[in-house]
Amino acid sequence: MTKALYVAYLTGVAGQSIGLFYIGGGVLAGVDVATMQYSGSYTTNPDGSLEGVVEYVLPAGVSLITGAPAGVAPTRISTSLKFPADFADGRVITIETPLGPVNAKFEKLKDITE
């Protein structure tokens, strides 16, 4: 898989958000407009799909698009990811998080070349 920057349009039962993500070389890193920071890793399967884990920190008092109540202190959350081979082809991918499902639509912004 090529290294690239992606925008993710995110929706949940209580709202929507947008994030910017770097995905490449087994690394997933990003931020969203709610100031959440994402850090994870993945492996690429023979069929081109991705499987991995991402960890993010929920800032205190931030409303979540999943409808889960805002915490009084920052909270670290970890969730597994499974993306199809061409995940940025316009399809909506449901990500099951510990705080509820999030629907994501990824769009590739730029390939990163070294």
N, C-alpha and C. Protein backbone atom coordinates (compact mmCIF):
# COMPACT_ATOMS: atom_id res chain seq x y z
N MET A 1 0.84 -1.18 0.00
CA MET A 1 0.00 0.00 0.00
C MET A 1 0.89 1.25 0.00
N THR A 2 0.51 2.24 -0.79
CA THR A 2 1.28 3.47 -0.83
C THR A 2 1.00 4.31 0.41
N LYS A 3 1.96 5.11 0.77
CA LYS A 3 1.79 6.04 1.88
C LYS A 3 1.00 7.24 1.37
N ALA A 4 0.00 7.68 2.15
CA ALA A 4 -0.84 8.77 1.66
C ALA A 4 -1.53 9.50 2.81
N LEU A 5 -2.00 10.70 2.49
CA LEU A 5 -2.86 11.48 3.39
C LEU A 5 -4.29 11.31 2.94
N TYR A 6 -5.18 11.13 3.92
CA TYR A 6 -6.59 10.93 3.65
C TYR A 6 -7.43 11.88 4.49
N VAL A 7 -8.55 12.31 3.95
CA VAL A 7 -9.56 12.98 4.75
C VAL A 7 -10.63 11.92 5.02
N ALA A 8 -11.16 11.93 6.24
CA ALA A 8 -12.22 11.00 6.60
C ALA A 8 -13.44 11.81 7.05
N TYR A 9 -14.56 11.54 6.41
CA TYR A 9 -15.83 12.15 6.79
C TYR A 9 -16.51 11.15 7.73
N LEU A 10 -16.74 11.56 8.96
CA LEU A 10 -17.18 10.66 10.03
C LEU A 10 -18.59 11.02 10.49
N THR A 11 -19.44 10.02 10.66
CA THR A 11 -20.78 10.25 11.18
C THR A 11 -21.10 9.21 12.25
N GLY A 12 -21.91 9.62 13.20
CA GLY A 12 -22.42 8.75 14.25
C GLY A 12 -23.87 9.13 14.53
N VAL A 13 -24.48 8.47 15.49
CA VAL A 13 -25.89 8.74 15.78
C VAL A 13 -26.14 10.14 16.33
N ALA A 14 -25.09 10.79 16.83
CA ALA A 14 -25.28 12.10 17.46
C ALA A 14 -24.55 13.24 16.75
N GLY A 15 -23.99 12.98 15.57
CA GLY A 15 -23.32 14.08 14.89
C GLY A 15 -22.35 13.63 13.82
N GLN A 16 -21.54 14.57 13.38
CA GLN A 16 -20.56 14.29 12.34
C GLN A 16 -19.26 15.02 12.63
N SER A 17 -18.21 14.58 11.97
CA SER A 17 -16.90 15.18 12.17
C SER A 17 -16.08 14.96 10.91
N ILE A 18 -14.87 15.47 10.93
CA ILE A 18 -13.95 15.29 9.82
C ILE A 18 -12.55 15.13 10.40
N GLY A 19 -11.74 14.29 9.78
CA GLY A 19 -10.39 14.06 10.27
C GLY A 19 -9.40 13.98 9.13
N LEU A 20 -8.14 14.16 9.45
CA LEU A 20 -7.04 14.04 8.51
C LEU A 20 -6.13 12.91 9.00
N PHE A 21 -5.83 11.96 8.11
CA PHE A 21 -5.07 10.78 8.50
C PHE A 21 -3.93 10.48 7.53
N TYR A 22 -2.80 10.08 8.10
CA TYR A 22 -1.69 9.51 7.34
C TYR A 22 -1.82 8.00 7.49
N ILE A 23 -1.82 7.29 6.37
CA ILE A 23 -1.85 5.83 6.39
C ILE A 23 -0.79 5.35 5.42
N GLY A 24 0.16 4.59 5.95
CA GLY A 24 1.22 4.05 5.09
C GLY A 24 2.32 3.40 5.89
N GLY A 25 2.95 2.41 5.29
CA GLY A 25 4.09 1.75 5.94
C GLY A 25 3.74 1.11 7.27
N GLY A 26 2.49 0.68 7.44
CA GLY A 26 2.08 0.06 8.69
C GLY A 26 1.69 1.04 9.79
N VAL A 27 1.69 2.34 9.47
CA VAL A 27 1.39 3.39 10.45
C VAL A 27 0.08 4.09 10.08
N LEU A 28 -0.74 4.32 11.10
CA LEU A 28 -1.93 5.15 10.95
C LEU A 28 -1.83 6.23 12.02
N ALA A 29 -1.92 7.50 11.59
CA ALA A 29 -1.85 8.62 12.53
C ALA A 29 -2.76 9.72 12.03
N GLY A 30 -3.44 10.41 12.96
CA GLY A 30 -4.32 11.47 12.51
C GLY A 30 -4.89 12.31 13.64
N VAL A 31 -5.70 13.28 13.21
CA VAL A 31 -6.40 14.18 14.13
C VAL A 31 -7.79 14.44 13.55
N ASP A 32 -8.72 14.85 14.43
CA ASP A 32 -10.02 15.29 13.94
C ASP A 32 -10.36 16.64 14.55
N VAL A 33 -11.48 17.21 14.11
CA VAL A 33 -11.83 18.56 14.55
C VAL A 33 -12.21 18.64 16.03
N ALA A 34 -12.46 17.51 16.66
CA ALA A 34 -12.76 17.49 18.10
C ALA A 34 -11.47 17.41 18.92
N THR A 35 -10.34 17.61 18.29
CA THR A 35 -9.00 17.58 18.87
C THR A 35 -8.54 16.19 19.29
N MET A 36 -9.21 15.15 18.81
CA MET A 36 -8.75 13.79 19.10
C MET A 36 -7.54 13.48 18.26
N GLN A 37 -6.58 12.79 18.86
CA GLN A 37 -5.38 12.36 18.15
C GLN A 37 -5.41 10.84 18.06
N TYR A 38 -5.10 10.32 16.88
CA TYR A 38 -5.16 8.89 16.60
C TYR A 38 -3.75 8.37 16.31
N SER A 39 -3.44 7.20 16.85
CA SER A 39 -2.15 6.58 16.61
C SER A 39 -2.35 5.07 16.54
N GLY A 40 -1.90 4.46 15.46
CA GLY A 40 -2.11 3.03 15.34
C GLY A 40 -1.16 2.37 14.38
N SER A 41 -1.37 1.09 14.21
CA SER A 41 -0.57 0.30 13.29
C SER A 41 -1.48 -0.70 12.59
N TYR A 42 -1.02 -1.18 11.45
CA TYR A 42 -1.81 -2.14 10.69
C TYR A 42 -0.88 -3.04 9.88
N THR A 43 -1.44 -4.14 9.42
CA THR A 43 -0.77 -5.00 8.46
C THR A 43 -1.66 -5.09 7.22
N THR A 44 -1.03 -5.34 6.10
CA THR A 44 -1.76 -5.49 4.85
C THR A 44 -1.89 -6.98 4.54
N ASN A 45 -3.11 -7.43 4.34
CA ASN A 45 -3.38 -8.83 4.01
C ASN A 45 -3.09 -9.08 2.53
N PRO A 46 -2.94 -10.37 2.14
CA PRO A 46 -2.66 -10.68 0.73
C PRO A 46 -3.70 -10.11 -0.24
N ASP A 47 -4.95 -9.95 0.19
CA ASP A 47 -5.99 -9.40 -0.69
C ASP A 47 -5.99 -7.87 -0.71
N GLY A 48 -5.04 -7.24 0.01
CA GLY A 48 -4.94 -5.79 0.03
C GLY A 48 -5.70 -5.11 1.15
N SER A 49 -6.52 -5.87 1.88
CA SER A 49 -7.25 -5.28 2.99
C SER A 49 -6.30 -4.99 4.15
N LEU A 50 -6.71 -4.10 5.04
CA LEU A 50 -5.88 -3.70 6.18
C LEU A 50 -6.53 -4.16 7.47
N GLU A 51 -5.71 -4.62 8.42
CA GLU A 51 -6.17 -4.96 9.77
C GLU A 51 -5.20 -4.39 10.77
N GLY A 52 -5.74 -3.77 11.80
CA GLY A 52 -4.85 -3.20 12.80
C GLY A 52 -5.58 -2.70 14.01
N VAL A 53 -4.89 -1.87 14.76
CA VAL A 53 -5.41 -1.31 16.00
C VAL A 53 -5.09 0.19 16.00
N VAL A 54 -6.05 0.97 16.45
CA VAL A 54 -5.82 2.41 16.61
C VAL A 54 -6.20 2.80 18.03
N GLU A 55 -5.42 3.71 18.57
CA GLU A 55 -5.66 4.24 19.91
C GLU A 55 -5.87 5.74 19.77
N TYR A 56 -6.83 6.25 20.53
CA TYR A 56 -7.08 7.68 20.51
C TYR A 56 -7.45 8.16 21.90
N VAL A 57 -7.26 9.45 22.12
CA VAL A 57 -7.55 10.04 23.41
C VAL A 57 -8.75 10.97 23.27
N LEU A 58 -9.76 10.71 24.10
CA LEU A 58 -10.94 11.58 24.13
C LEU A 58 -10.66 12.72 25.10
N PRO A 59 -10.63 13.95 24.62
CA PRO A 59 -10.41 15.07 25.54
C PRO A 59 -11.58 15.22 26.51
N ALA A 60 -11.32 15.72 27.68
CA ALA A 60 -12.39 15.93 28.67
C ALA A 60 -13.41 16.92 28.13
N GLY A 61 -14.69 16.61 28.34
CA GLY A 61 -15.77 17.53 28.00
C GLY A 61 -16.14 17.61 26.55
N VAL A 62 -15.54 16.82 25.68
CA VAL A 62 -15.84 16.88 24.25
C VAL A 62 -17.03 15.99 23.93
N SER A 63 -18.02 16.55 23.23
CA SER A 63 -19.18 15.77 22.79
C SER A 63 -18.75 14.80 21.69
N LEU A 64 -19.27 13.58 21.74
CA LEU A 64 -18.87 12.54 20.79
C LEU A 64 -19.98 12.30 19.77
N ILE A 65 -19.59 12.02 18.53
CA ILE A 65 -20.58 11.76 17.49
C ILE A 65 -21.30 10.43 17.70
N THR A 66 -20.77 9.58 18.57
CA THR A 66 -21.42 8.31 18.87
C THR A 66 -22.57 8.48 19.86
N GLY A 67 -22.66 9.64 20.49
CA GLY A 67 -23.70 9.88 21.50
C GLY A 67 -23.28 9.51 22.90
N ALA A 68 -22.08 8.93 23.04
CA ALA A 68 -21.57 8.60 24.38
C ALA A 68 -21.34 9.91 25.14
N PRO A 69 -21.58 9.90 26.45
CA PRO A 69 -21.39 11.14 27.23
C PRO A 69 -19.93 11.56 27.29
N ALA A 70 -19.73 12.86 27.35
CA ALA A 70 -18.37 13.41 27.47
C ALA A 70 -17.79 13.05 28.83
N GLY A 71 -16.52 12.75 28.87
CA GLY A 71 -15.85 12.40 30.12
C GLY A 71 -15.38 13.64 30.86
N VAL A 72 -15.10 13.47 32.13
CA VAL A 72 -14.59 14.58 32.94
C VAL A 72 -13.07 14.65 32.92
N ALA A 73 -12.45 13.61 32.40
CA ALA A 73 -10.99 13.57 32.27
C ALA A 73 -10.65 12.94 30.92
N PRO A 74 -9.50 13.24 30.36
CA PRO A 74 -9.10 12.59 29.10
C PRO A 74 -9.12 11.06 29.26
N THR A 75 -9.61 10.37 28.24
CA THR A 75 -9.74 8.92 28.28
C THR A 75 -9.09 8.31 27.05
N ARG A 76 -8.25 7.32 27.26
CA ARG A 76 -7.58 6.61 26.16
C ARG A 76 -8.44 5.42 25.75
N ILE A 77 -8.71 5.31 24.44
CA ILE A 77 -9.55 4.24 23.89
C ILE A 77 -8.75 3.51 22.82
N SER A 78 -8.92 2.20 22.74
CA SER A 78 -8.28 1.39 21.70
C SER A 78 -9.35 0.59 20.98
N THR A 79 -9.24 0.50 19.67
CA THR A 79 -10.21 -0.28 18.90
C THR A 79 -9.51 -0.93 17.71
N SER A 80 -10.04 -2.05 17.28
CA SER A 80 -9.47 -2.73 16.11
C SER A 80 -10.08 -2.14 14.84
N LEU A 81 -9.32 -2.24 13.77
CA LEU A 81 -9.75 -1.73 12.47
C LEU A 81 -9.65 -2.83 11.43
N LYS A 82 -10.61 -2.84 10.51
CA LYS A 82 -10.55 -3.70 9.33
C LYS A 82 -11.06 -2.87 8.16
N PHE A 83 -10.16 -2.59 7.21
CA PHE A 83 -10.51 -1.80 6.04
C PHE A 83 -10.39 -2.67 4.80
N PRO A 84 -11.33 -2.57 3.87
CA PRO A 84 -11.20 -3.30 2.61
C PRO A 84 -10.05 -2.74 1.77
N ALA A 85 -9.65 -3.47 0.76
CA ALA A 85 -8.49 -3.09 -0.05
C ALA A 85 -8.60 -1.67 -0.60
N ASP A 86 -9.68 -1.31 -1.19
CA ASP A 86 -9.85 0.02 -1.78
C ASP A 86 -10.76 0.86 -0.90
N PHE A 87 -10.38 1.04 0.35
CA PHE A 87 -11.27 1.69 1.33
C PHE A 87 -11.57 3.15 0.99
N ALA A 88 -10.74 3.79 0.14
CA ALA A 88 -10.96 5.20 -0.19
C ALA A 88 -11.67 5.36 -1.54
N ASP A 89 -12.49 4.38 -1.91
CA ASP A 89 -13.18 4.44 -3.20
C ASP A 89 -14.58 5.04 -3.11
N GLY A 90 -14.89 5.67 -1.99
CA GLY A 90 -16.20 6.31 -1.84
C GLY A 90 -17.19 5.52 -0.99
N ARG A 91 -16.85 4.30 -0.65
CA ARG A 91 -17.76 3.50 0.18
C ARG A 91 -17.73 3.98 1.62
N VAL A 92 -18.78 3.68 2.35
CA VAL A 92 -18.86 3.99 3.78
C VAL A 92 -18.47 2.74 4.55
N ILE A 93 -17.55 2.91 5.47
CA ILE A 93 -17.05 1.81 6.30
C ILE A 93 -17.52 2.04 7.72
N THR A 94 -18.12 1.03 8.33
CA THR A 94 -18.53 1.14 9.73
C THR A 94 -17.40 0.64 10.62
N ILE A 95 -17.01 1.49 11.57
CA ILE A 95 -15.98 1.15 12.54
C ILE A 95 -16.66 0.98 13.89
N GLU A 96 -16.58 -0.21 14.44
CA GLU A 96 -17.20 -0.49 15.74
C GLU A 96 -16.23 -0.08 16.84
N THR A 97 -16.56 0.99 17.56
CA THR A 97 -15.71 1.45 18.65
C THR A 97 -16.33 1.04 19.98
N PRO A 98 -15.57 1.07 21.07
CA PRO A 98 -16.14 0.75 22.38
C PRO A 98 -17.25 1.72 22.81
N LEU A 99 -17.32 2.89 22.16
CA LEU A 99 -18.33 3.90 22.52
C LEU A 99 -19.45 3.99 21.50
N GLY A 100 -19.50 3.05 20.57
CA GLY A 100 -20.55 3.03 19.56
C GLY A 100 -19.99 3.08 18.16
N PRO A 101 -20.83 2.76 17.17
CA PRO A 101 -20.35 2.71 15.78
C PRO A 101 -20.12 4.10 15.19
N VAL A 102 -19.13 4.16 14.31
CA VAL A 102 -18.81 5.37 13.55
C VAL A 102 -18.74 4.96 12.08
N ASN A 103 -19.43 5.70 11.23
CA ASN A 103 -19.35 5.48 9.79
C ASN A 103 -18.32 6.44 9.22
N ALA A 104 -17.44 5.91 8.38
CA ALA A 104 -16.35 6.71 7.82
C ALA A 104 -16.29 6.55 6.31
N LYS A 105 -16.10 7.67 5.65
CA LYS A 105 -15.87 7.67 4.20
C LYS A 105 -14.53 8.36 3.97
N PHE A 106 -13.57 7.61 3.44
CA PHE A 106 -12.22 8.11 3.24
C PHE A 106 -12.02 8.59 1.80
N GLU A 107 -11.25 9.66 1.67
CA GLU A 107 -10.88 10.18 0.36
C GLU A 107 -9.37 10.45 0.38
N LYS A 108 -8.66 9.89 -0.59
CA LYS A 108 -7.22 10.12 -0.66
C LYS A 108 -6.96 11.54 -1.13
N LEU A 109 -6.14 12.25 -0.36
CA LEU A 109 -5.77 13.62 -0.72
C LEU A 109 -4.47 13.68 -1.51
N LYS A 110 -3.47 12.88 -1.06
CA LYS A 110 -2.15 12.97 -1.69
C LYS A 110 -1.33 11.74 -1.36
N ASP A 111 -0.71 11.16 -2.37
CA ASP A 111 0.29 10.12 -2.15
C ASP A 111 1.53 10.77 -1.58
N ILE A 112 2.21 10.06 -0.68
CA ILE A 112 3.44 10.54 -0.08
C ILE A 112 4.59 9.74 -0.69
N THR A 113 5.48 10.42 -1.36
CA THR A 113 6.63 9.74 -1.94
C THR A 113 7.89 10.20 -1.21
N GLU A 114 8.84 9.31 -1.16
CA GLU A 114 10.09 9.62 -0.44
C GLU A 114 11.20 9.88 -1.40
